[in-house]
Amino acid sequence: MCPAGLALLLLLAVTTALKGVLAITWVGLCGYEWLALWHGYATGGKLRIAAGGLAERQRRDGTWEPASLRAGSVVLPRIAWLRVTPRRGRPYAELVGAANQGSEDWRRLQVIWRHIGAA
């Protein structure tokens, strides 16, 4: 995503100086997103979502903490992209994919998402 955004910046009909400022800003935002993703993966464990939509994230020490699902989360038939914000910490995204497809948990996630996903 970051390289695509930089490539699009080159096509803008603005001055070179403005392109430079926009490119630096874009790279900074991309870096922040990657840092948040890395931090989420490094400090988190499992994620569980209750039937009512309440989410919890397991930390590395085994304790569970409340989390919230954010706008932009998507659950498709074969893959899910869940944007999560733990109570203590930065937002991150969790990619859930093919390894879980045949499981009861995957079917349960899809059913729950049909009920809460649009909210």
C-alpha atoms as a PDB file:
ATOM      1  CA  MET A   1       0.000   0.000   0.000  1.00  0.00           C
ATOM      2  CA  CYS A   2       2.765   2.427   0.866  1.00  0.00           C
ATOM      3  CA  PRO A   3       4.631   2.014  -2.457  1.00  0.00           C
ATOM      4  CA  ALA A   4       1.366   2.398  -4.381  1.00  0.00           C
ATOM      5  CA  GLY A   5       0.613   5.641  -2.565  1.00  0.00           C
ATOM      6  CA  LEU A   6       4.083   6.965  -3.333  1.00  0.00           C
ATOM      7  CA  ALA A   7       3.663   6.069  -6.995  1.00  0.00           C
ATOM      8  CA  LEU A   8       0.353   7.950  -7.101  1.00  0.00           C
ATOM      9  CA  LEU A   9       2.002  10.993  -5.533  1.00  0.00           C
ATOM     10  CA  LEU A  10       4.377  11.170  -8.493  1.00  0.00           C
ATOM     11  CA  LEU A  11       1.412  11.541 -10.834  1.00  0.00           C
ATOM     12  CA  LEU A  12      -0.044  14.558  -9.047  1.00  0.00           C
ATOM     13  CA  ALA A  13       0.025  17.843 -10.913  1.00  0.00           C
ATOM     14  CA  VAL A  14       1.637  19.844  -8.098  1.00  0.00           C
ATOM     15  CA  THR A  15       5.066  21.333  -7.472  1.00  0.00           C
ATOM     16  CA  THR A  16       8.029  19.127  -6.670  1.00  0.00           C
ATOM     17  CA  ALA A  17       8.320  20.682  -3.226  1.00  0.00           C
ATOM     18  CA  LEU A  18       4.706  19.806  -2.414  1.00  0.00           C
ATOM     19  CA  LYS A  19       5.246  16.273  -3.727  1.00  0.00           C
ATOM     20  CA  GLY A  20       8.205  15.977  -1.347  1.00  0.00           C
ATOM     21  CA  VAL A  21       6.159  17.108   1.641  1.00  0.00           C
ATOM     22  CA  LEU A  22       3.325  14.763   0.720  1.00  0.00           C
ATOM     23  CA  ALA A  23       5.749  11.861   0.218  1.00  0.00           C
ATOM     24  CA  ILE A  24       7.370  12.411   3.621  1.00  0.00           C
ATOM     25  CA  THR A  25       3.940  12.617   5.262  1.00  0.00           C
ATOM     26  CA  TRP A  26       2.782   9.458   3.475  1.00  0.00           C
ATOM     27  CA  VAL A  27       5.890   7.490   4.487  1.00  0.00           C
ATOM     28  CA  GLY A  28       5.451   8.685   8.090  1.00  0.00           C
ATOM     29  CA  LEU A  29       1.822   7.524   8.168  1.00  0.00           C
ATOM     30  CA  CYS A  30       2.761   4.171   6.630  1.00  0.00           C
ATOM     31  CA  GLY A  31       5.520   3.759   9.204  1.00  0.00           C
ATOM     32  CA  TYR A  32       3.096   4.488  12.009  1.00  0.00           C
ATOM     33  CA  GLU A  33       0.662   1.868  10.678  1.00  0.00           C
ATOM     34  CA  TRP A  34       3.407  -0.761  10.371  1.00  0.00           C
ATOM     35  CA  LEU A  35       4.607   0.016  13.886  1.00  0.00           C
ATOM     36  CA  ALA A  36       1.065  -0.378  15.234  1.00  0.00           C
ATOM     37  CA  LEU A  37       0.678  -3.702  13.404  1.00  0.00           C
ATOM     38  CA  TRP A  38       3.996  -4.989  14.709  1.00  0.00           C
ATOM     39  CA  HIS A  39       3.173  -3.884  18.245  1.00  0.00           C
ATOM     40  CA  GLY A  40      -0.227  -5.591  18.074  1.00  0.00           C
ATOM     41  CA  TYR A  41       1.292  -8.860  16.940  1.00  0.00           C
ATOM     42  CA  ALA A  42       4.167  -8.661  19.407  1.00  0.00           C
ATOM     43  CA  THR A  43       2.012  -8.004  22.462  1.00  0.00           C
ATOM     44  CA  GLY A  44      -1.117  -9.977  21.632  1.00  0.00           C
ATOM     45  CA  GLY A  45      -2.210 -13.534  21.499  1.00  0.00           C
ATOM     46  CA  LYS A  46      -5.669 -14.806  20.739  1.00  0.00           C
ATOM     47  CA  LEU A  47      -8.740 -12.787  19.903  1.00  0.00           C
ATOM     48  CA  ARG A  48     -12.249 -13.850  20.875  1.00  0.00           C
ATOM     49  CA  ILE A  49     -15.542 -12.306  19.910  1.00  0.00           C
ATOM     50  CA  ALA A  50     -18.732 -13.011  21.848  1.00  0.00           C
ATOM     51  CA  ALA A  51     -22.107 -13.451  20.180  1.00  0.00           C
ATOM     52  CA  GLY A  52     -23.121  -9.936  21.231  1.00  0.00           C
ATOM     53  CA  GLY A  53     -20.081  -8.417  19.558  1.00  0.00           C
ATOM     54  CA  LEU A  54     -17.908  -7.903  22.629  1.00  0.00           C
ATOM     55  CA  ALA A  55     -14.261  -8.606  21.876  1.00  0.00           C
ATOM     56  CA  GLU A  56     -11.357  -9.602  24.094  1.00  0.00           C
ATOM     57  CA  ARG A  57      -7.689  -9.991  23.303  1.00  0.00           C
ATOM     58  CA  GLN A  58      -5.347 -12.344  25.099  1.00  0.00           C
ATOM     59  CA  ARG A  59      -2.045 -10.794  26.079  1.00  0.00           C
ATOM     60  CA  ARG A  60       1.256 -12.673  26.119  1.00  0.00           C
ATOM     61  CA  ASP A  61       0.990 -13.263  29.865  1.00  0.00           C
ATOM     62  CA  GLY A  62      -2.267 -15.182  29.317  1.00  0.00           C
ATOM     63  CA  THR A  63      -4.659 -12.584  30.733  1.00  0.00           C
ATOM     64  CA  TRP A  64      -7.595 -11.294  28.710  1.00  0.00           C
ATOM     65  CA  GLU A  65      -8.287  -7.603  28.171  1.00  0.00           C
ATOM     66  CA  PRO A  66     -11.280  -5.877  26.583  1.00  0.00           C
ATOM     67  CA  ALA A  67     -10.886  -4.763  22.997  1.00  0.00           C
ATOM     68  CA  SER A  68     -13.133  -3.216  20.410  1.00  0.00           C
ATOM     69  CA  LEU A  69     -13.631  -3.979  16.752  1.00  0.00           C
ATOM     70  CA  ARG A  70     -13.170  -0.904  14.613  1.00  0.00           C
ATOM     71  CA  ALA A  71     -14.760   0.356  11.439  1.00  0.00           C
ATOM     72  CA  GLY A  72     -13.075  -1.099   8.393  1.00  0.00           C
ATOM     73  CA  SER A  73     -13.153  -4.687   9.634  1.00  0.00           C
ATOM     74  CA  VAL A  74     -14.249  -7.099   6.925  1.00  0.00           C
ATOM     75  CA  VAL A  75     -15.273 -10.761   7.102  1.00  0.00           C
ATOM     76  CA  LEU A  76     -15.496 -12.549   3.760  1.00  0.00           C
ATOM     77  CA  PRO A  77     -16.175 -16.237   3.063  1.00  0.00           C
ATOM     78  CA  ARG A  78     -12.454 -17.155   2.989  1.00  0.00           C
ATOM     79  CA  ILE A  79     -10.630 -14.381   4.788  1.00  0.00           C
ATOM     80  CA  ALA A  80     -11.195 -11.758   7.482  1.00  0.00           C
ATOM     81  CA  TRP A  81      -9.450  -8.465   8.183  1.00  0.00           C
ATOM     82  CA  LEU A  82     -10.286  -7.390  11.719  1.00  0.00           C
ATOM     83  CA  ARG A  83      -9.277  -3.963  12.977  1.00  0.00           C
ATOM     84  CA  VAL A  84      -8.870  -4.173  16.743  1.00  0.00           C
ATOM     85  CA  THR A  85      -8.222  -1.597  19.452  1.00  0.00           C
ATOM     86  CA  PRO A  86      -7.184  -3.042  22.806  1.00  0.00           C
ATOM     87  CA  ARG A  87      -8.071  -1.089  25.954  1.00  0.00           C
ATOM     88  CA  ARG A  88      -4.384  -0.411  26.517  1.00  0.00           C
ATOM     89  CA  GLY A  89      -2.502  -0.016  23.295  1.00  0.00           C
ATOM     90  CA  ARG A  90      -2.586   1.089  19.723  1.00  0.00           C
ATOM     91  CA  PRO A  91      -5.062  -0.103  17.131  1.00  0.00           C
ATOM     92  CA  TYR A  92      -3.883  -2.897  14.864  1.00  0.00           C
ATOM     93  CA  ALA A  93      -5.292  -5.234  12.269  1.00  0.00           C
ATOM     94  CA  GLU A  94      -5.579  -9.007  12.429  1.00  0.00           C
ATOM     95  CA  LEU A  95      -5.659 -11.044   9.227  1.00  0.00           C
ATOM     96  CA  VAL A  96      -7.545 -14.319   9.701  1.00  0.00           C
ATOM     97  CA  GLY A  97      -7.395 -16.688   6.790  1.00  0.00           C
ATOM     98  CA  ALA A  98      -7.617 -20.084   5.212  1.00  0.00           C
ATOM     99  CA  ALA A  99      -6.241 -22.147   8.101  1.00  0.00           C
ATOM    100  CA  ASN A 100      -9.468 -21.589  10.032  1.00  0.00           C
ATOM    101  CA  GLN A 101     -11.980 -22.159   7.257  1.00  0.00           C
ATOM    102  CA  GLY A 102     -13.439 -25.533   8.106  1.00  0.00           C
ATOM    103  CA  SER A 103     -13.665 -24.940  11.839  1.00  0.00           C
ATOM    104  CA  GLU A 104     -16.702 -24.278  13.968  1.00  0.00           C
ATOM    105  CA  ASP A 105     -15.057 -21.057  15.174  1.00  0.00           C
ATOM    106  CA  TRP A 106     -14.836 -19.743  11.601  1.00  0.00           C
ATOM    107  CA  ARG A 107     -18.523 -20.429  10.980  1.00  0.00           C
ATOM    108  CA  ARG A 108     -19.411 -18.821  14.304  1.00  0.00           C
ATOM    109  CA  LEU A 109     -17.390 -15.703  13.380  1.00  0.00           C
ATOM    110  CA  GLN A 110     -19.261 -15.403  10.094  1.00  0.00           C
ATOM    111  CA  VAL A 111     -22.648 -15.722  11.827  1.00  0.00           C
ATOM    112  CA  ILE A 112     -21.698 -13.174  14.487  1.00  0.00           C
ATOM    113  CA  TRP A 113     -20.401 -10.831  11.809  1.00  0.00           C
ATOM    114  CA  ARG A 114     -23.664 -10.986   9.888  1.00  0.00           C
ATOM    115  CA  HIS A 115     -25.402  -9.704  13.011  1.00  0.00           C
ATOM    116  CA  ILE A 116     -22.911  -7.075  14.207  1.00  0.00           C
ATOM    117  CA  GLY A 117     -20.753  -6.319  11.173  1.00  0.00           C
ATOM    118  CA  ALA A 118     -22.931  -3.598   9.724  1.00  0.00           C
ATOM    119  CA  ALA A 119     -23.280  -1.815  13.078  1.00  0.00           C
END
